[in-house]
Amino acid sequence: MNSNSASTTGDTAKDVADVARNAAEGGVNAAGMEPQMTQGQDAETSKEPNPATDVTIPYDQAIEYLTRTLAETKAFKQELAHNPTHSASNSYPPIALIYGKSTPTVYGAKVESREAIKRADVYDELAFASGDGVVLARAAMVPEGYPVVRGGVVSSDRGHVTLLGDLEAIGKCILAVMRARRSGVGMGETGRKPQS
């Protein structure tokens, strides 16, 4: 994914969160808000360059960049895969997480065809799920196989940008990690407590 699409996704999620807040306070129409991707410009007729959609590098360089970046991303994700040997040897550190679930978060858009995906004016039918406005709640969980310490999955009503400002949630996670570390989690074979 390139930085343009990442920032567009982030901007879209922010706009969606604003629309959701306005809807809760009196309705979308009352707030004068409706989904708009072009921000006041008619994408089909505008002569002004649009930095979100204008091509800034040659096609062959874009393909080379995507080929390299996607390969690096795939390798990184594969390196994150759970290793049962590390779990068996008590090598993984204690893990806790904070996630948001109170802000509608875009997880998809219905468009009429593959060709329409290129156009900025077709993203009116958005699909939402619970999350923090940027990351879906289910996507904020640890990867499959990794254990989370007892009491270490903490929900917050904060949005994505202010999630780490939820000091109560941060405190719960830190305490859960400290309790787990004291009980030997992540300390290898020597850290295991004898079973009674």
N, C-alpha and C. Protein backbone atom coordinates (compact mmCIF):
# COMPACT_ATOMS: atom_id res chain seq x y z
N MET A 1 0.85 -1.17 0.00
CA MET A 1 0.00 0.00 0.00
C MET A 1 0.89 1.23 0.00
N ASN A 2 0.58 2.20 -0.83
CA ASN A 2 1.41 3.40 -0.87
C ASN A 2 0.92 4.43 0.13
N SER A 3 1.73 5.47 0.32
CA SER A 3 1.39 6.47 1.33
C SER A 3 0.15 7.25 0.94
N ASN A 4 -0.11 7.43 -0.38
CA ASN A 4 -1.33 8.14 -0.79
C ASN A 4 -2.57 7.39 -0.36
N SER A 5 -2.59 6.05 -0.57
CA SER A 5 -3.79 5.30 -0.21
C SER A 5 -3.91 5.19 1.30
N ALA A 6 -2.78 5.11 2.02
CA ALA A 6 -2.83 5.06 3.48
C ALA A 6 -3.38 6.35 4.03
N SER A 7 -2.93 7.50 3.49
CA SER A 7 -3.43 8.77 4.00
C SER A 7 -4.87 8.98 3.58
N THR A 8 -5.24 8.52 2.38
CA THR A 8 -6.63 8.63 1.95
C THR A 8 -7.52 7.82 2.87
N THR A 9 -7.08 6.59 3.23
CA THR A 9 -7.85 5.76 4.14
C THR A 9 -7.98 6.43 5.49
N GLY A 10 -6.88 6.99 5.99
CA GLY A 10 -6.93 7.69 7.27
C GLY A 10 -7.84 8.89 7.23
N ASP A 11 -7.77 9.68 6.14
CA ASP A 11 -8.64 10.85 5.99
C ASP A 11 -10.09 10.42 5.90
N THR A 12 -10.35 9.34 5.15
CA THR A 12 -11.71 8.84 5.02
C THR A 12 -12.25 8.41 6.37
N ALA A 13 -11.44 7.69 7.14
CA ALA A 13 -11.88 7.24 8.46
C ALA A 13 -12.16 8.42 9.37
N LYS A 14 -11.33 9.47 9.29
CA LYS A 14 -11.56 10.67 10.10
C LYS A 14 -12.86 11.33 9.70
N ASP A 15 -13.09 11.45 8.39
CA ASP A 15 -14.33 12.05 7.91
C ASP A 15 -15.53 11.23 8.36
N VAL A 16 -15.40 9.90 8.30
CA VAL A 16 -16.48 9.02 8.72
C VAL A 16 -16.78 9.21 10.20
N ALA A 17 -15.72 9.32 11.00
CA ALA A 17 -15.91 9.53 12.44
C ALA A 17 -16.63 10.85 12.69
N ASP A 18 -16.25 11.90 11.94
CA ASP A 18 -16.93 13.20 12.08
C ASP A 18 -18.40 13.09 11.70
N VAL A 19 -18.68 12.39 10.61
CA VAL A 19 -20.07 12.21 10.17
C VAL A 19 -20.85 11.45 11.24
N ALA A 20 -20.24 10.41 11.79
CA ALA A 20 -20.93 9.61 12.82
C ALA A 20 -21.22 10.47 14.05
N ARG A 21 -20.25 11.30 14.46
CA ARG A 21 -20.47 12.19 15.60
C ARG A 21 -21.61 13.16 15.32
N ASN A 22 -21.60 13.76 14.12
CA ASN A 22 -22.66 14.71 13.75
C ASN A 22 -24.01 14.02 13.69
N ALA A 23 -24.04 12.78 13.19
CA ALA A 23 -25.30 12.05 13.11
C ALA A 23 -25.85 11.79 14.51
N ALA A 24 -24.98 11.46 15.44
CA ALA A 24 -25.41 11.21 16.81
C ALA A 24 -25.94 12.48 17.47
N GLU A 25 -25.45 13.62 17.04
CA GLU A 25 -25.86 14.89 17.65
C GLU A 25 -27.03 15.55 16.94
N GLY A 26 -27.65 14.91 15.96
CA GLY A 26 -28.80 15.56 15.33
C GLY A 26 -29.03 15.14 13.90
N GLY A 27 -28.32 14.14 13.45
CA GLY A 27 -28.58 13.64 12.11
C GLY A 27 -27.62 14.20 11.08
N VAL A 28 -27.34 13.39 10.08
CA VAL A 28 -26.40 13.77 9.03
C VAL A 28 -26.91 14.98 8.26
N ASN A 29 -28.18 14.96 7.89
CA ASN A 29 -28.72 16.07 7.10
C ASN A 29 -28.75 17.36 7.90
N ALA A 30 -29.09 17.24 9.20
CA ALA A 30 -29.13 18.44 10.03
C ALA A 30 -27.75 19.04 10.17
N ALA A 31 -26.73 18.21 10.15
CA ALA A 31 -25.37 18.70 10.30
C ALA A 31 -24.81 19.22 8.97
N GLY A 32 -25.53 18.98 7.88
CA GLY A 32 -25.07 19.43 6.57
C GLY A 32 -23.91 18.60 6.06
N MET A 33 -23.81 17.36 6.51
CA MET A 33 -22.70 16.49 6.11
C MET A 33 -23.23 15.32 5.32
N GLU A 34 -22.57 14.99 4.24
CA GLU A 34 -22.81 13.77 3.53
C GLU A 34 -21.47 13.31 2.97
N PRO A 35 -21.31 12.00 2.73
CA PRO A 35 -20.02 11.52 2.27
C PRO A 35 -19.55 12.22 1.00
N GLN A 36 -18.35 12.77 1.03
CA GLN A 36 -17.77 13.42 -0.13
C GLN A 36 -16.28 13.11 -0.18
N MET A 37 -15.86 12.57 -1.29
CA MET A 37 -14.45 12.24 -1.45
C MET A 37 -13.71 13.35 -2.20
N THR A 38 -14.44 14.21 -2.90
CA THR A 38 -13.78 15.20 -3.75
C THR A 38 -13.63 16.54 -3.08
N GLN A 39 -14.15 16.71 -1.90
CA GLN A 39 -14.02 17.93 -1.12
C GLN A 39 -14.34 19.19 -1.92
N GLY A 40 -15.55 19.21 -2.50
CA GLY A 40 -16.01 20.42 -3.17
C GLY A 40 -15.64 20.53 -4.63
N GLN A 41 -14.82 19.62 -5.15
CA GLN A 41 -14.45 19.68 -6.56
C GLN A 41 -15.22 18.61 -7.31
N ASP A 42 -15.60 18.90 -8.52
CA ASP A 42 -16.18 17.90 -9.39
C ASP A 42 -15.01 17.17 -10.04
N ALA A 43 -14.82 15.91 -9.65
CA ALA A 43 -13.64 15.15 -10.08
C ALA A 43 -13.58 14.98 -11.59
N GLU A 44 -14.74 14.95 -12.25
CA GLU A 44 -14.75 14.71 -13.69
C GLU A 44 -14.40 15.95 -14.50
N THR A 45 -14.77 17.15 -14.02
CA THR A 45 -14.62 18.35 -14.84
C THR A 45 -13.56 19.32 -14.35
N SER A 46 -13.01 19.12 -13.17
CA SER A 46 -12.04 20.06 -12.61
C SER A 46 -10.74 20.03 -13.42
N LYS A 47 -10.19 21.21 -13.69
CA LYS A 47 -8.92 21.32 -14.40
C LYS A 47 -7.75 21.38 -13.41
N GLU A 48 -8.05 21.58 -12.14
CA GLU A 48 -7.01 21.65 -11.12
C GLU A 48 -6.45 20.25 -10.84
N PRO A 49 -5.13 20.13 -10.67
CA PRO A 49 -4.58 18.82 -10.33
C PRO A 49 -5.04 18.40 -8.93
N ASN A 50 -5.33 17.14 -8.78
CA ASN A 50 -5.75 16.59 -7.50
C ASN A 50 -4.61 15.73 -6.96
N PRO A 51 -3.96 16.14 -5.87
CA PRO A 51 -2.81 15.39 -5.37
C PRO A 51 -3.17 13.98 -4.92
N ALA A 52 -4.42 13.72 -4.64
CA ALA A 52 -4.82 12.39 -4.21
C ALA A 52 -4.88 11.41 -5.38
N THR A 53 -5.09 11.91 -6.59
CA THR A 53 -5.26 11.01 -7.73
C THR A 53 -4.27 11.23 -8.86
N ASP A 54 -3.55 12.35 -8.89
CA ASP A 54 -2.59 12.60 -9.96
C ASP A 54 -1.40 11.65 -9.85
N VAL A 55 -0.95 11.16 -10.98
CA VAL A 55 0.22 10.29 -11.03
C VAL A 55 1.46 11.17 -10.97
N THR A 56 2.33 10.88 -10.02
CA THR A 56 3.52 11.72 -9.84
C THR A 56 4.81 11.01 -10.23
N ILE A 57 4.74 9.70 -10.46
CA ILE A 57 5.94 8.97 -10.89
C ILE A 57 5.58 8.12 -12.11
N PRO A 58 6.57 7.81 -12.93
CA PRO A 58 6.30 6.98 -14.11
C PRO A 58 5.80 5.58 -13.72
N TYR A 59 5.02 4.98 -14.61
CA TYR A 59 4.40 3.68 -14.36
C TYR A 59 5.42 2.62 -13.98
N ASP A 60 6.54 2.51 -14.70
CA ASP A 60 7.52 1.47 -14.42
C ASP A 60 8.14 1.66 -13.03
N GLN A 61 8.34 2.91 -12.60
CA GLN A 61 8.86 3.16 -11.25
C GLN A 61 7.82 2.80 -10.19
N ALA A 62 6.56 3.06 -10.49
CA ALA A 62 5.49 2.70 -9.55
C ALA A 62 5.42 1.19 -9.38
N ILE A 63 5.51 0.45 -10.49
CA ILE A 63 5.47 -1.02 -10.43
C ILE A 63 6.67 -1.55 -9.66
N GLU A 64 7.86 -0.99 -9.90
CA GLU A 64 9.06 -1.42 -9.18
C GLU A 64 8.91 -1.16 -7.68
N TYR A 65 8.40 0.04 -7.34
CA TYR A 65 8.19 0.40 -5.94
C TYR A 65 7.21 -0.57 -5.26
N LEU A 66 6.07 -0.81 -5.93
CA LEU A 66 5.08 -1.71 -5.35
C LEU A 66 5.60 -3.14 -5.23
N THR A 67 6.32 -3.61 -6.23
CA THR A 67 6.89 -4.96 -6.18
C THR A 67 7.82 -5.11 -4.99
N ARG A 68 8.70 -4.14 -4.81
CA ARG A 68 9.66 -4.17 -3.69
C ARG A 68 8.94 -4.03 -2.35
N THR A 69 8.06 -3.05 -2.24
CA THR A 69 7.39 -2.77 -0.97
C THR A 69 6.47 -3.91 -0.55
N LEU A 70 5.71 -4.46 -1.49
CA LEU A 70 4.82 -5.56 -1.15
C LEU A 70 5.61 -6.80 -0.74
N ALA A 71 6.75 -7.07 -1.39
CA ALA A 71 7.59 -8.21 -1.00
C ALA A 71 8.14 -8.02 0.40
N GLU A 72 8.59 -6.80 0.73
CA GLU A 72 9.11 -6.52 2.08
C GLU A 72 8.01 -6.65 3.13
N THR A 73 6.82 -6.18 2.80
CA THR A 73 5.70 -6.26 3.72
C THR A 73 5.32 -7.71 3.97
N LYS A 74 5.28 -8.52 2.91
CA LYS A 74 4.95 -9.94 3.05
C LYS A 74 5.99 -10.64 3.93
N ALA A 75 7.27 -10.35 3.69
CA ALA A 75 8.33 -10.97 4.50
C ALA A 75 8.19 -10.57 5.97
N PHE A 76 7.90 -9.30 6.23
CA PHE A 76 7.73 -8.82 7.60
C PHE A 76 6.57 -9.55 8.27
N LYS A 77 5.43 -9.67 7.57
CA LYS A 77 4.28 -10.36 8.16
C LYS A 77 4.58 -11.83 8.41
N GLN A 78 5.33 -12.47 7.53
CA GLN A 78 5.68 -13.87 7.73
C GLN A 78 6.60 -14.05 8.93
N GLU A 79 7.48 -13.07 9.16
CA GLU A 79 8.37 -13.13 10.32
C GLU A 79 7.61 -12.95 11.63
N LEU A 80 6.42 -12.34 11.57
CA LEU A 80 5.60 -12.15 12.76
C LEU A 80 4.80 -13.39 13.13
N ALA A 81 4.78 -14.38 12.24
CA ALA A 81 3.97 -15.58 12.48
C ALA A 81 4.38 -16.23 13.80
N HIS A 82 3.38 -16.73 14.51
CA HIS A 82 3.61 -17.37 15.80
C HIS A 82 4.50 -18.59 15.64
N ASN A 83 5.45 -18.73 16.55
CA ASN A 83 6.36 -19.87 16.55
C ASN A 83 6.06 -20.70 17.81
N PRO A 84 5.44 -21.87 17.65
CA PRO A 84 5.09 -22.68 18.82
C PRO A 84 6.28 -23.05 19.70
N THR A 85 7.47 -23.15 19.11
CA THR A 85 8.67 -23.47 19.88
C THR A 85 8.96 -22.37 20.89
N HIS A 86 8.77 -21.11 20.48
CA HIS A 86 8.99 -19.99 21.40
C HIS A 86 7.98 -20.02 22.54
N SER A 87 6.74 -20.39 22.23
CA SER A 87 5.73 -20.50 23.29
C SER A 87 6.09 -21.61 24.26
N ALA A 88 6.50 -22.76 23.71
CA ALA A 88 6.84 -23.90 24.56
C ALA A 88 8.02 -23.59 25.47
N SER A 89 8.95 -22.76 25.00
CA SER A 89 10.12 -22.42 25.81
C SER A 89 9.91 -21.17 26.66
N ASN A 90 8.67 -20.64 26.67
CA ASN A 90 8.33 -19.45 27.47
C ASN A 90 9.20 -18.26 27.07
N SER A 91 9.41 -18.09 25.76
CA SER A 91 10.27 -17.01 25.27
C SER A 91 9.52 -15.74 24.89
N TYR A 92 8.24 -15.85 24.60
CA TYR A 92 7.49 -14.64 24.23
C TYR A 92 7.25 -13.77 25.45
N PRO A 93 7.45 -12.47 25.31
CA PRO A 93 7.21 -11.57 26.45
C PRO A 93 5.71 -11.47 26.73
N PRO A 94 5.35 -10.98 27.90
CA PRO A 94 3.92 -10.79 28.17
C PRO A 94 3.34 -9.72 27.24
N ILE A 95 2.15 -9.97 26.72
CA ILE A 95 1.52 -9.07 25.76
C ILE A 95 0.18 -8.59 26.31
N ALA A 96 -0.06 -7.29 26.18
CA ALA A 96 -1.36 -6.69 26.50
C ALA A 96 -1.71 -5.76 25.34
N LEU A 97 -2.98 -5.43 25.20
CA LEU A 97 -3.39 -4.54 24.11
C LEU A 97 -4.58 -3.69 24.51
N ILE A 98 -4.65 -2.53 23.88
CA ILE A 98 -5.79 -1.63 24.02
C ILE A 98 -6.43 -1.52 22.65
N TYR A 99 -7.74 -1.57 22.62
CA TYR A 99 -8.43 -1.41 21.35
C TYR A 99 -9.67 -0.54 21.54
N GLY A 100 -10.05 0.14 20.48
CA GLY A 100 -11.26 0.94 20.50
C GLY A 100 -12.37 0.21 19.78
N LYS A 101 -13.60 0.40 20.23
CA LYS A 101 -14.72 -0.24 19.55
C LYS A 101 -15.95 0.65 19.49
N SER A 102 -15.80 1.92 19.86
CA SER A 102 -16.98 2.78 19.93
C SER A 102 -17.13 3.74 18.75
N THR A 103 -16.19 3.74 17.81
CA THR A 103 -16.27 4.65 16.68
C THR A 103 -16.50 3.85 15.40
N PRO A 104 -17.54 4.17 14.63
CA PRO A 104 -17.75 3.46 13.37
C PRO A 104 -16.49 3.55 12.50
N THR A 105 -16.06 2.41 11.97
CA THR A 105 -14.82 2.32 11.22
C THR A 105 -15.09 1.67 9.87
N VAL A 106 -14.63 2.29 8.82
CA VAL A 106 -14.85 1.77 7.47
C VAL A 106 -14.07 0.47 7.28
N TYR A 107 -14.77 -0.57 6.80
CA TYR A 107 -14.06 -1.80 6.46
C TYR A 107 -14.25 -2.18 5.00
N GLY A 108 -15.05 -1.41 4.28
CA GLY A 108 -15.22 -1.71 2.87
C GLY A 108 -16.09 -0.66 2.19
N ALA A 109 -16.13 -0.75 0.87
CA ALA A 109 -16.96 0.15 0.08
C ALA A 109 -17.53 -0.64 -1.09
N LYS A 110 -18.79 -0.39 -1.40
CA LYS A 110 -19.42 -1.04 -2.54
C LYS A 110 -19.28 -0.12 -3.74
N VAL A 111 -18.62 -0.63 -4.78
CA VAL A 111 -18.47 0.11 -6.03
C VAL A 111 -19.05 -0.74 -7.16
N GLU A 112 -19.40 -0.09 -8.26
CA GLU A 112 -20.13 -0.78 -9.32
C GLU A 112 -19.27 -1.76 -10.13
N SER A 113 -17.95 -1.54 -10.22
CA SER A 113 -17.09 -2.43 -11.01
C SER A 113 -15.63 -2.21 -10.62
N ARG A 114 -14.77 -3.08 -11.13
CA ARG A 114 -13.33 -2.92 -10.87
C ARG A 114 -12.81 -1.63 -11.48
N GLU A 115 -13.34 -1.26 -12.63
CA GLU A 115 -12.91 -0.02 -13.28
C GLU A 115 -13.30 1.21 -12.45
N ALA A 116 -14.43 1.13 -11.75
CA ALA A 116 -14.90 2.28 -10.95
C ALA A 116 -14.01 2.54 -9.75
N ILE A 117 -13.24 1.56 -9.34
CA ILE A 117 -12.36 1.73 -8.17
C ILE A 117 -11.42 2.92 -8.35
N LYS A 118 -11.02 3.19 -9.59
CA LYS A 118 -10.09 4.28 -9.88
C LYS A 118 -10.70 5.65 -9.65
N ARG A 119 -12.02 5.75 -9.70
CA ARG A 119 -12.69 7.04 -9.60
C ARG A 119 -12.92 7.41 -8.13
N ALA A 120 -12.79 8.69 -7.83
CA ALA A 120 -12.96 9.15 -6.45
C ALA A 120 -14.41 9.44 -6.11
N ASP A 121 -15.29 9.49 -7.09
CA ASP A 121 -16.67 9.89 -6.83
C ASP A 121 -17.63 8.72 -6.67
N VAL A 122 -17.14 7.49 -6.48
CA VAL A 122 -18.02 6.33 -6.40
C VAL A 122 -18.08 5.72 -4.99
N TYR A 123 -17.39 6.29 -4.05
CA TYR A 123 -17.30 5.69 -2.72
C TYR A 123 -18.37 6.26 -1.79
N ASP A 124 -19.63 6.07 -2.16
CA ASP A 124 -20.72 6.57 -1.34
C ASP A 124 -21.32 5.47 -0.45
N GLU A 125 -21.22 4.21 -0.88
CA GLU A 125 -21.78 3.11 -0.10
C GLU A 125 -20.66 2.47 0.72
N LEU A 126 -20.44 3.01 1.91
CA LEU A 126 -19.40 2.50 2.79
C LEU A 126 -19.98 1.51 3.79
N ALA A 127 -19.19 0.52 4.17
CA ALA A 127 -19.60 -0.45 5.18
C ALA A 127 -18.78 -0.18 6.44
N PHE A 128 -19.45 -0.22 7.59
CA PHE A 128 -18.82 0.10 8.86
C PHE A 128 -18.88 -1.07 9.83
N ALA A 129 -17.93 -1.10 10.75
CA ALA A 129 -17.94 -2.05 11.86
C ALA A 129 -17.35 -1.31 13.06
N SER A 130 -17.37 -1.97 14.21
CA SER A 130 -16.85 -1.30 15.41
C SER A 130 -15.32 -1.24 15.36
N GLY A 131 -14.80 -0.13 15.84
CA GLY A 131 -13.36 0.07 15.87
C GLY A 131 -13.05 1.40 16.51
N ASP A 132 -11.87 1.93 16.21
CA ASP A 132 -11.47 3.21 16.79
C ASP A 132 -11.53 4.35 15.77
N GLY A 133 -12.15 4.10 14.63
CA GLY A 133 -12.26 5.11 13.58
C GLY A 133 -11.23 4.91 12.49
N VAL A 134 -10.18 4.14 12.76
CA VAL A 134 -9.15 3.84 11.77
C VAL A 134 -8.92 2.33 11.71
N VAL A 135 -8.80 1.69 12.87
CA VAL A 135 -8.51 0.26 12.96
C VAL A 135 -9.74 -0.46 13.51
N LEU A 136 -10.16 -1.51 12.82
CA LEU A 136 -11.28 -2.32 13.31
C LEU A 136 -10.90 -3.00 14.61
N ALA A 137 -11.87 -3.16 15.51
CA ALA A 137 -11.60 -3.81 16.79
C ALA A 137 -11.01 -5.19 16.60
N ARG A 138 -11.55 -5.97 15.66
CA ARG A 138 -11.04 -7.33 15.45
C ARG A 138 -9.63 -7.33 14.86
N ALA A 139 -9.27 -6.28 14.14
CA ALA A 139 -7.93 -6.19 13.55
C ALA A 139 -6.90 -5.71 14.56
N ALA A 140 -7.35 -5.18 15.70
CA ALA A 140 -6.43 -4.66 16.71
C ALA A 140 -5.95 -5.76 17.66
N MET A 141 -6.47 -6.98 17.51
CA MET A 141 -6.07 -8.07 18.39
C MET A 141 -4.70 -8.62 17.96
N VAL A 142 -4.06 -9.35 18.87
CA VAL A 142 -2.75 -9.92 18.54
C VAL A 142 -2.93 -11.02 17.49
N PRO A 143 -1.89 -11.30 16.71
CA PRO A 143 -1.99 -12.36 15.70
C PRO A 143 -2.29 -13.71 16.34
N GLU A 144 -2.89 -14.58 15.54
CA GLU A 144 -3.28 -15.91 16.02
C GLU A 144 -2.09 -16.65 16.61
N GLY A 145 -2.34 -17.30 17.74
CA GLY A 145 -1.32 -18.11 18.40
C GLY A 145 -0.63 -17.42 19.56
N TYR A 146 -0.55 -16.09 19.52
CA TYR A 146 0.12 -15.36 20.59
C TYR A 146 -0.81 -15.26 21.80
N PRO A 147 -0.28 -15.54 22.99
CA PRO A 147 -1.12 -15.40 24.19
C PRO A 147 -1.13 -13.95 24.69
N VAL A 148 -2.25 -13.54 25.23
CA VAL A 148 -2.37 -12.24 25.88
C VAL A 148 -2.51 -12.52 27.37
N VAL A 149 -1.83 -11.74 28.19
CA VAL A 149 -1.86 -11.97 29.63
C VAL A 149 -3.25 -11.74 30.20
N ARG A 150 -3.55 -12.38 31.32
CA ARG A 150 -4.84 -12.22 31.97
C ARG A 150 -5.06 -10.74 32.32
N GLY A 151 -6.19 -10.20 31.91
CA GLY A 151 -6.50 -8.80 32.16
C GLY A 151 -5.83 -7.85 31.19
N GLY A 152 -5.20 -8.38 30.15
CA GLY A 152 -4.43 -7.55 29.23
C GLY A 152 -5.13 -7.14 27.96
N VAL A 153 -6.40 -7.48 27.80
CA VAL A 153 -7.18 -7.03 26.64
C VAL A 153 -8.13 -5.95 27.17
N VAL A 154 -7.81 -4.69 26.84
CA VAL A 154 -8.52 -3.56 27.43
C VAL A 154 -9.21 -2.75 26.34
N SER A 155 -10.52 -2.57 26.51
CA SER A 155 -11.31 -1.77 25.57
C SER A 155 -11.31 -0.31 26.01
N SER A 156 -11.31 0.58 25.03
CA SER A 156 -11.34 2.01 25.31
C SER A 156 -12.42 2.66 24.46
N ASP A 157 -13.02 3.74 24.96
CA ASP A 157 -14.00 4.46 24.16
C ASP A 157 -13.35 5.59 23.37
N ARG A 158 -12.02 5.66 23.40
CA ARG A 158 -11.28 6.69 22.66
C ARG A 158 -11.17 6.33 21.20
N GLY A 159 -10.95 7.36 20.39
CA GLY A 159 -10.69 7.17 18.98
C GLY A 159 -9.22 6.84 18.75
N HIS A 160 -8.87 6.57 17.50
CA HIS A 160 -7.53 6.11 17.15
C HIS A 160 -6.43 7.06 17.61
N VAL A 161 -6.59 8.35 17.35
CA VAL A 161 -5.53 9.31 17.65
C VAL A 161 -5.33 9.48 19.15
N THR A 162 -6.39 9.37 19.93
CA THR A 162 -6.27 9.61 21.38
C THR A 162 -6.27 8.32 22.20
N LEU A 163 -6.17 7.18 21.55
CA LEU A 163 -6.22 5.89 22.24
C LEU A 163 -5.16 5.79 23.33
N LEU A 164 -3.95 6.20 23.02
CA LEU A 164 -2.88 6.10 24.02
C LEU A 164 -2.97 7.19 25.09
N GLY A 165 -3.93 8.10 24.94
CA GLY A 165 -4.19 9.10 25.97
C GLY A 165 -5.16 8.60 27.03
N ASP A 166 -5.67 7.38 26.85
CA ASP A 166 -6.56 6.77 27.84
C ASP A 166 -5.69 6.17 28.94
N LEU A 167 -5.34 7.00 29.92
CA LEU A 167 -4.39 6.59 30.95
C LEU A 167 -4.89 5.42 31.80
N GLU A 168 -6.19 5.34 32.01
CA GLU A 168 -6.73 4.21 32.77
C GLU A 168 -6.48 2.89 32.03
N ALA A 169 -6.74 2.89 30.73
CA ALA A 169 -6.52 1.68 29.92
C ALA A 169 -5.03 1.34 29.87
N ILE A 170 -4.18 2.35 29.72
CA ILE A 170 -2.73 2.12 29.71
C ILE A 170 -2.31 1.50 31.04
N GLY A 171 -2.82 2.04 32.13
CA GLY A 171 -2.48 1.52 33.45
C GLY A 171 -2.88 0.07 33.62
N LYS A 172 -4.08 -0.29 33.13
CA LYS A 172 -4.53 -1.69 33.22
C LYS A 172 -3.59 -2.61 32.46
N CYS A 173 -3.17 -2.18 31.27
CA CYS A 173 -2.25 -3.00 30.47
C CYS A 173 -0.90 -3.16 31.16
N ILE A 174 -0.38 -2.06 31.67
CA ILE A 174 0.93 -2.13 32.34
C ILE A 174 0.86 -3.04 33.56
N LEU A 175 -0.20 -2.91 34.38
CA LEU A 175 -0.34 -3.78 35.55
C LEU A 175 -0.45 -5.24 35.15
N ALA A 176 -1.20 -5.53 34.08
CA ALA A 176 -1.35 -6.91 33.62
C ALA A 176 -0.01 -7.48 33.17
N VAL A 177 0.78 -6.67 32.45
CA VAL A 177 2.09 -7.12 31.98
C VAL A 177 3.03 -7.32 33.17
N MET A 178 3.00 -6.40 34.14
CA MET A 178 3.88 -6.53 35.32
C MET A 178 3.52 -7.79 36.13
N ARG A 179 2.22 -8.06 36.32
CA ARG A 179 1.81 -9.28 37.05
C ARG A 179 2.30 -10.53 36.32
N ALA A 180 2.13 -10.53 35.00
CA ALA A 180 2.56 -11.69 34.22
C ALA A 180 4.07 -11.88 34.29
N ARG A 181 4.82 -10.79 34.21
CA ARG A 181 6.28 -10.88 34.27
C ARG A 181 6.72 -11.42 35.64
N ARG A 182 6.06 -10.93 36.71
CA ARG A 182 6.39 -11.42 38.05
C ARG A 182 6.11 -12.92 38.19
N SER A 183 5.11 -13.40 37.44
CA SER A 183 4.80 -14.83 37.52
C SER A 183 5.66 -15.65 36.56
N GLY A 184 6.60 -14.99 35.85
CA GLY A 184 7.56 -15.72 35.03
C GLY A 184 7.28 -15.76 33.54
N VAL A 185 6.25 -15.09 33.06
CA VAL A 185 5.93 -15.10 31.63
C VAL A 185 7.05 -14.42 30.85
N GLY A 186 7.56 -15.13 29.84
CA GLY A 186 8.60 -14.60 28.98
C GLY A 186 10.00 -14.71 29.55
N MET A 187 10.17 -15.43 30.64
CA MET A 187 11.47 -15.54 31.30
C MET A 187 12.18 -16.85 30.98
N GLY A 188 11.72 -17.57 29.97
CA GLY A 188 12.35 -18.83 29.60
C GLY A 188 12.04 -19.92 30.60
N GLU A 189 12.78 -21.02 30.49
CA GLU A 189 12.54 -22.18 31.37
C GLU A 189 12.76 -21.83 32.84
N THR A 190 13.73 -20.95 33.11
CA THR A 190 14.02 -20.60 34.51
C THR A 190 12.91 -19.76 35.13
N GLY A 191 12.11 -19.13 34.32
CA GLY A 191 11.05 -18.27 34.84
C GLY A 191 9.76 -19.01 35.13
N ARG A 192 9.67 -20.26 34.70
CA ARG A 192 8.42 -21.01 34.92
C ARG A 192 8.23 -21.29 36.41
N LYS A 193 7.02 -21.06 36.88
CA LYS A 193 6.68 -21.36 38.25
C LYS A 193 6.29 -22.83 38.34
N PRO A 194 6.72 -23.51 39.39
CA PRO A 194 6.35 -24.92 39.51
C PRO A 194 4.83 -25.07 39.67
N GLN A 195 4.28 -26.07 39.02
CA GLN A 195 2.84 -26.36 39.12
C GLN A 195 2.56 -26.98 40.48
N SER A 196 1.49 -26.50 41.16
CA SER A 196 1.18 -27.09 42.46
C SER A 196 0.10 -28.12 42.34
